């Protein structure tokens, strides 16, 4: 009897493992991009840029952090701003006016590229606009510009490109059943 109970328990544990592997075929338990962290010279100036120009929302930071910074969230991703110390200038990007699409950058999807152009012009932000992929029939519009500390940002309408895995090493996954991190929406959302 005891041996049968042990076999049944082993079988149940194996079924649980199999179910977990089906949910995550390549073995990596990742769900989505959580946040991007940026060093900045002036936290307030960067908060103003990301909230006014890109529509991010300032959120509370854990009180355990003893350094100056700010957390922003919107569009399913967070931006953590960390005040750079005086001796950390070498960690900040090379602050030039050069807008090179091949430079390191973070990209955001947009449904209204012309609206985004108007927004950049409203805030007098220098940008580079280009369209790629027209010859393949899936044109992508791109806008490149920099935040106050010189970090490159791209805005694109990349939904025009179909994602096709090159090899069968796993499926592309989209979190559809939950939002991570959880977002607390209060009754005062109309104030933003």
C-alpha atoms as a PDB file:
ATOM      1  CA  UNK A   1       0.000   0.000   0.000  1.00  0.00           C
ATOM      2  CA  UNK A   2       2.756   2.429   0.963  1.00  0.00           C
ATOM      3  CA  UNK A   3       4.621   1.714  -2.283  1.00  0.00           C
ATOM      4  CA  UNK A   4       1.458   2.457  -4.288  1.00  0.00           C
ATOM      5  CA  UNK A   5       1.015   5.762  -2.449  1.00  0.00           C
ATOM      6  CA  UNK A   6       4.659   6.695  -3.168  1.00  0.00           C
ATOM      7  CA  UNK A   7       4.219   5.866  -6.885  1.00  0.00           C
ATOM      8  CA  UNK A   8       1.033   7.930  -7.035  1.00  0.00           C
ATOM      9  CA  UNK A   9       2.784  10.888  -5.385  1.00  0.00           C
ATOM     10  CA  UNK A  10       5.744  10.588  -7.798  1.00  0.00           C
ATOM     11  CA  UNK A  11       3.332  10.441 -10.736  1.00  0.00           C
ATOM     12  CA  UNK A  12       1.501  13.578  -9.517  1.00  0.00           C
ATOM     13  CA  UNK A  13       4.796  15.425  -9.083  1.00  0.00           C
ATOM     14  CA  UNK A  14       5.860  14.398 -12.582  1.00  0.00           C
ATOM     15  CA  UNK A  15       2.541  15.645 -14.013  1.00  0.00           C
ATOM     16  CA  UNK A  16       3.064  18.998 -12.281  1.00  0.00           C
ATOM     17  CA  UNK A  17       6.600  19.235 -13.743  1.00  0.00           C
ATOM     18  CA  UNK A  18       5.287  18.313 -17.205  1.00  0.00           C
ATOM     19  CA  UNK A  19       2.575  20.969 -16.958  1.00  0.00           C
ATOM     20  CA  UNK A  20       5.125  23.604 -15.945  1.00  0.00           C
ATOM     21  CA  UNK A  21       7.359  22.630 -18.868  1.00  0.00           C
ATOM     22  CA  UNK A  22       4.437  22.870 -21.295  1.00  0.00           C
ATOM     23  CA  UNK A  23       3.806  26.416 -20.101  1.00  0.00           C
ATOM     24  CA  UNK A  24       7.469  27.240 -20.426  1.00  0.00           C
ATOM     25  CA  UNK A  25       8.927  25.046 -23.152  1.00  0.00           C
ATOM     26  CA  UNK A  26      12.403  26.567 -23.286  1.00  0.00           C
ATOM     27  CA  UNK A  27      12.923  26.382 -19.531  1.00  0.00           C
ATOM     28  CA  UNK A  28      13.248  30.137 -18.984  1.00  0.00           C
ATOM     29  CA  UNK A  29      10.661  31.442 -16.515  1.00  0.00           C
ATOM     30  CA  UNK A  30      10.563  34.982 -17.904  1.00  0.00           C
ATOM     31  CA  UNK A  31       7.322  36.880 -18.439  1.00  0.00           C
ATOM     32  CA  UNK A  32       8.021  40.377 -19.760  1.00  0.00           C
ATOM     33  CA  UNK A  33      10.383  43.327 -19.626  1.00  0.00           C
ATOM     34  CA  UNK A  34       9.966  44.835 -16.153  1.00  0.00           C
ATOM     35  CA  UNK A  35      12.017  48.033 -16.217  1.00  0.00           C
ATOM     36  CA  UNK A  36      14.939  49.909 -17.678  1.00  0.00           C
ATOM     37  CA  UNK A  37      17.294  51.681 -15.283  1.00  0.00           C
ATOM     38  CA  UNK A  38      18.895  54.972 -16.292  1.00  0.00           C
ATOM     39  CA  UNK A  39      21.548  57.032 -14.516  1.00  0.00           C
ATOM     40  CA  UNK A  40      20.757  60.727 -14.688  1.00  0.00           C
ATOM     41  CA  UNK A  41      22.391  63.978 -13.661  1.00  0.00           C
ATOM     42  CA  UNK A  42      19.126  65.593 -12.592  1.00  0.00           C
ATOM     43  CA  UNK A  43      16.272  63.331 -11.436  1.00  0.00           C
ATOM     44  CA  UNK A  44      13.642  66.094 -11.518  1.00  0.00           C
ATOM     45  CA  UNK A  45      14.532  67.105 -15.087  1.00  0.00           C
ATOM     46  CA  UNK A  46      14.413  63.460 -16.223  1.00  0.00           C
ATOM     47  CA  UNK A  47      11.072  62.866 -14.455  1.00  0.00           C
ATOM     48  CA  UNK A  48       9.668  65.911 -16.238  1.00  0.00           C
ATOM     49  CA  UNK A  49      10.890  64.598 -19.612  1.00  0.00           C
ATOM     50  CA  UNK A  50       9.547  61.060 -19.200  1.00  0.00           C
ATOM     51  CA  UNK A  51       6.184  62.195 -17.790  1.00  0.00           C
ATOM     52  CA  UNK A  52       5.477  65.159 -20.066  1.00  0.00           C
ATOM     53  CA  UNK A  53       7.018  63.970 -23.336  1.00  0.00           C
ATOM     54  CA  UNK A  54       6.419  60.205 -23.125  1.00  0.00           C
ATOM     55  CA  UNK A  55       3.442  60.003 -20.757  1.00  0.00           C
ATOM     56  CA  UNK A  56       5.014  57.930 -17.988  1.00  0.00           C
ATOM     57  CA  UNK A  57       3.496  58.107 -14.509  1.00  0.00           C
ATOM     58  CA  UNK A  58       5.579  58.760 -11.401  1.00  0.00           C
ATOM     59  CA  UNK A  59       5.050  55.889  -8.939  1.00  0.00           C
ATOM     60  CA  UNK A  60       6.138  55.266  -5.370  1.00  0.00           C
ATOM     61  CA  UNK A  61       9.556  53.763  -4.762  1.00  0.00           C
ATOM     62  CA  UNK A  62      10.329  51.375  -1.902  1.00  0.00           C
ATOM     63  CA  UNK A  63      11.439  53.457   1.085  1.00  0.00           C
ATOM     64  CA  UNK A  64      14.386  51.122   1.644  1.00  0.00           C
ATOM     65  CA  UNK A  65      16.311  52.859  -1.153  1.00  0.00           C
ATOM     66  CA  UNK A  66      18.649  55.414   0.389  1.00  0.00           C
ATOM     67  CA  UNK A  67      19.765  57.076  -2.850  1.00  0.00           C
ATOM     68  CA  UNK A  68      18.087  59.777  -4.914  1.00  0.00           C
ATOM     69  CA  UNK A  69      15.972  58.484  -7.755  1.00  0.00           C
ATOM     70  CA  UNK A  70      12.468  58.000  -9.118  1.00  0.00           C
ATOM     71  CA  UNK A  71      10.336  55.218 -10.519  1.00  0.00           C
ATOM     72  CA  UNK A  72       8.085  55.728 -13.517  1.00  0.00           C
ATOM     73  CA  UNK A  73       5.642  53.322 -15.123  1.00  0.00           C
ATOM     74  CA  UNK A  74       3.370  53.068 -18.145  1.00  0.00           C
ATOM     75  CA  UNK A  75       2.795  50.932 -21.242  1.00  0.00           C
ATOM     76  CA  UNK A  76       3.726  47.774 -19.331  1.00  0.00           C
ATOM     77  CA  UNK A  77       7.289  48.850 -18.527  1.00  0.00           C
ATOM     78  CA  UNK A  78       9.012  50.758 -15.760  1.00  0.00           C
ATOM     79  CA  UNK A  79      11.823  53.266 -15.937  1.00  0.00           C
ATOM     80  CA  UNK A  80      13.987  53.572 -12.832  1.00  0.00           C
ATOM     81  CA  UNK A  81      15.922  56.806 -12.670  1.00  0.00           C
ATOM     82  CA  UNK A  82      18.999  56.830 -10.439  1.00  0.00           C
ATOM     83  CA  UNK A  83      20.859  60.034  -9.627  1.00  0.00           C
ATOM     84  CA  UNK A  84      24.460  59.712 -10.803  1.00  0.00           C
ATOM     85  CA  UNK A  85      27.100  60.604  -8.267  1.00  0.00           C
ATOM     86  CA  UNK A  86      29.535  63.359  -9.166  1.00  0.00           C
ATOM     87  CA  UNK A  87      32.291  60.843  -9.892  1.00  0.00           C
ATOM     88  CA  UNK A  88      30.076  58.715 -12.198  1.00  0.00           C
ATOM     89  CA  UNK A  89      30.142  60.933 -15.292  1.00  0.00           C
ATOM     90  CA  UNK A  90      31.949  58.146 -17.157  1.00  0.00           C
ATOM     91  CA  UNK A  91      28.846  55.949 -16.676  1.00  0.00           C
ATOM     92  CA  UNK A  92      26.609  58.472 -18.424  1.00  0.00           C
ATOM     93  CA  UNK A  93      26.222  58.366 -22.169  1.00  0.00           C
ATOM     94  CA  UNK A  94      28.298  60.527 -24.492  1.00  0.00           C
ATOM     95  CA  UNK A  95      26.028  63.554 -24.632  1.00  0.00           C
ATOM     96  CA  UNK A  96      26.190  64.720 -28.225  1.00  0.00           C
ATOM     97  CA  UNK A  97      23.492  65.866 -30.611  1.00  0.00           C
ATOM     98  CA  UNK A  98      24.293  62.976 -32.935  1.00  0.00           C
ATOM     99  CA  UNK A  99      21.207  60.805 -33.516  1.00  0.00           C
ATOM    100  CA  UNK A 100      22.461  57.417 -34.693  1.00  0.00           C
ATOM    101  CA  UNK A 101      19.785  54.681 -34.986  1.00  0.00           C
ATOM    102  CA  UNK A 102      22.555  52.112 -34.494  1.00  0.00           C
ATOM    103  CA  UNK A 103      23.348  53.512 -31.027  1.00  0.00           C
ATOM    104  CA  UNK A 104      22.085  51.831 -27.842  1.00  0.00           C
ATOM    105  CA  UNK A 105      18.456  52.752 -27.270  1.00  0.00           C
ATOM    106  CA  UNK A 106      15.131  51.734 -25.806  1.00  0.00           C
ATOM    107  CA  UNK A 107      12.168  51.568 -28.185  1.00  0.00           C
ATOM    108  CA  UNK A 108       8.460  52.182 -27.581  1.00  0.00           C
ATOM    109  CA  UNK A 109       5.596  51.156 -29.822  1.00  0.00           C
ATOM    110  CA  UNK A 110       3.246  53.917 -31.006  1.00  0.00           C
ATOM    111  CA  UNK A 111      -0.104  53.860 -32.749  1.00  0.00           C
ATOM    112  CA  UNK A 112       0.148  57.536 -33.730  1.00  0.00           C
ATOM    113  CA  UNK A 113       3.504  58.427 -35.198  1.00  0.00           C
ATOM    114  CA  UNK A 114       2.378  61.861 -36.426  1.00  0.00           C
ATOM    115  CA  UNK A 115       0.993  62.620 -32.966  1.00  0.00           C
ATOM    116  CA  UNK A 116       4.383  61.723 -31.539  1.00  0.00           C
ATOM    117  CA  UNK A 117       6.119  64.042 -34.038  1.00  0.00           C
ATOM    118  CA  UNK A 118       3.803  66.868 -32.938  1.00  0.00           C
ATOM    119  CA  UNK A 119       4.624  66.116 -29.297  1.00  0.00           C
ATOM    120  CA  UNK A 120       8.392  66.212 -29.922  1.00  0.00           C
ATOM    121  CA  UNK A 121       8.020  69.489 -31.787  1.00  0.00           C
ATOM    122  CA  UNK A 122       5.855  70.924 -28.989  1.00  0.00           C
ATOM    123  CA  UNK A 123       8.675  70.248 -26.493  1.00  0.00           C
ATOM    124  CA  UNK A 124      11.349  71.380 -29.014  1.00  0.00           C
ATOM    125  CA  UNK A 125      13.117  68.024 -28.974  1.00  0.00           C
ATOM    126  CA  UNK A 126      15.525  67.338 -31.829  1.00  0.00           C
ATOM    127  CA  UNK A 127      14.622  64.072 -33.591  1.00  0.00           C
ATOM    128  CA  UNK A 128      15.508  61.941 -36.581  1.00  0.00           C
ATOM    129  CA  UNK A 129      12.631  60.487 -38.591  1.00  0.00           C
ATOM    130  CA  UNK A 130      13.034  57.616 -41.005  1.00  0.00           C
ATOM    131  CA  UNK A 131      11.088  54.837 -42.689  1.00  0.00           C
ATOM    132  CA  UNK A 132      12.605  51.412 -43.298  1.00  0.00           C
ATOM    133  CA  UNK A 133      11.339  48.218 -44.934  1.00  0.00           C
ATOM    134  CA  UNK A 134       9.189  49.821 -47.623  1.00  0.00           C
ATOM    135  CA  UNK A 135      10.656  47.537 -50.283  1.00  0.00           C
ATOM    136  CA  UNK A 136       9.589  44.431 -48.299  1.00  0.00           C
ATOM    137  CA  UNK A 137       6.016  45.709 -48.028  1.00  0.00           C
ATOM    138  CA  UNK A 138       6.098  46.250 -44.256  1.00  0.00           C
ATOM    139  CA  UNK A 139       7.207  49.833 -43.773  1.00  0.00           C
ATOM    140  CA  UNK A 140       8.279  50.824 -40.266  1.00  0.00           C
ATOM    141  CA  UNK A 141       8.298  54.469 -39.234  1.00  0.00           C
ATOM    142  CA  UNK A 142      10.907  55.386 -36.639  1.00  0.00           C
ATOM    143  CA  UNK A 143      11.648  58.462 -34.543  1.00  0.00           C
ATOM    144  CA  UNK A 144      14.941  58.769 -32.677  1.00  0.00           C
ATOM    145  CA  UNK A 145      15.696  61.363 -29.998  1.00  0.00           C
ATOM    146  CA  UNK A 146      17.505  61.661 -26.681  1.00  0.00           C
ATOM    147  CA  UNK A 147      16.437  62.147 -23.081  1.00  0.00           C
ATOM    148  CA  UNK A 148      18.005  64.933 -20.958  1.00  0.00           C
ATOM    149  CA  UNK A 149      21.040  62.732 -20.201  1.00  0.00           C
ATOM    150  CA  UNK A 150      21.660  61.756 -23.820  1.00  0.00           C
ATOM    151  CA  UNK A 151      20.131  58.266 -23.757  1.00  0.00           C
ATOM    152  CA  UNK A 152      18.657  57.346 -27.149  1.00  0.00           C
ATOM    153  CA  UNK A 153      14.927  56.620 -27.416  1.00  0.00           C
ATOM    154  CA  UNK A 154      13.109  55.215 -30.436  1.00  0.00           C
ATOM    155  CA  UNK A 155       9.396  55.451 -31.135  1.00  0.00           C
ATOM    156  CA  UNK A 156       8.174  53.095 -33.859  1.00  0.00           C
ATOM    157  CA  UNK A 157       5.160  51.412 -35.372  1.00  0.00           C
ATOM    158  CA  UNK A 158       6.902  48.032 -35.394  1.00  0.00           C
ATOM    159  CA  UNK A 159       3.620  46.095 -35.302  1.00  0.00           C
ATOM    160  CA  UNK A 160       3.911  46.231 -39.092  1.00  0.00           C
ATOM    161  CA  UNK A 161       6.636  43.571 -38.874  1.00  0.00           C
ATOM    162  CA  UNK A 162       5.585  39.985 -38.373  1.00  0.00           C
ATOM    163  CA  UNK A 163       7.720  38.195 -35.757  1.00  0.00           C
ATOM    164  CA  UNK A 164       9.059  34.983 -37.275  1.00  0.00           C
ATOM    165  CA  UNK A 165      11.386  32.849 -35.114  1.00  0.00           C
ATOM    166  CA  UNK A 166      14.458  31.764 -37.077  1.00  0.00           C
ATOM    167  CA  UNK A 167      14.677  28.373 -35.424  1.00  0.00           C
ATOM    168  CA  UNK A 168      12.302  26.214 -33.457  1.00  0.00           C
ATOM    169  CA  UNK A 169      13.938  26.865 -30.080  1.00  0.00           C
ATOM    170  CA  UNK A 170      10.712  27.972 -28.477  1.00  0.00           C
ATOM    171  CA  UNK A 171       7.541  29.908 -28.926  1.00  0.00           C
ATOM    172  CA  UNK A 172       7.207  33.647 -28.660  1.00  0.00           C
ATOM    173  CA  UNK A 173       5.138  34.365 -25.566  1.00  0.00           C
ATOM    174  CA  UNK A 174       2.935  37.291 -24.656  1.00  0.00           C
ATOM    175  CA  UNK A 175       1.630  37.663 -21.102  1.00  0.00           C
ATOM    176  CA  UNK A 176      -2.124  37.763 -21.629  1.00  0.00           C
ATOM    177  CA  UNK A 177      -3.582  36.492 -18.389  1.00  0.00           C
ATOM    178  CA  UNK A 178      -1.967  38.956 -15.973  1.00  0.00           C
ATOM    179  CA  UNK A 179      -0.139  42.211 -15.764  1.00  0.00           C
ATOM    180  CA  UNK A 180       3.309  42.292 -14.221  1.00  0.00           C
ATOM    181  CA  UNK A 181       3.980  44.238 -12.118  1.00  0.00           C
ATOM    182  CA  UNK A 182       0.473  44.632 -10.774  1.00  0.00           C
ATOM    183  CA  UNK A 183      -0.964  48.090 -11.266  1.00  0.00           C
ATOM    184  CA  UNK A 184      -3.171  49.657  -8.641  1.00  0.00           C
ATOM    185  CA  UNK A 185      -5.740  51.832 -10.361  1.00  0.00           C
ATOM    186  CA  UNK A 186      -7.510  54.198  -8.028  1.00  0.00           C
ATOM    187  CA  UNK A 187     -10.562  56.371  -8.484  1.00  0.00           C
ATOM    188  CA  UNK A 188      -8.393  59.437  -9.045  1.00  0.00           C
ATOM    189  CA  UNK A 189      -7.013  58.227 -12.414  1.00  0.00           C
ATOM    190  CA  UNK A 190      -8.843  61.051 -14.175  1.00  0.00           C
ATOM    191  CA  UNK A 191      -6.413  63.549 -12.592  1.00  0.00           C
ATOM    192  CA  UNK A 192      -3.473  62.400 -14.711  1.00  0.00           C
END
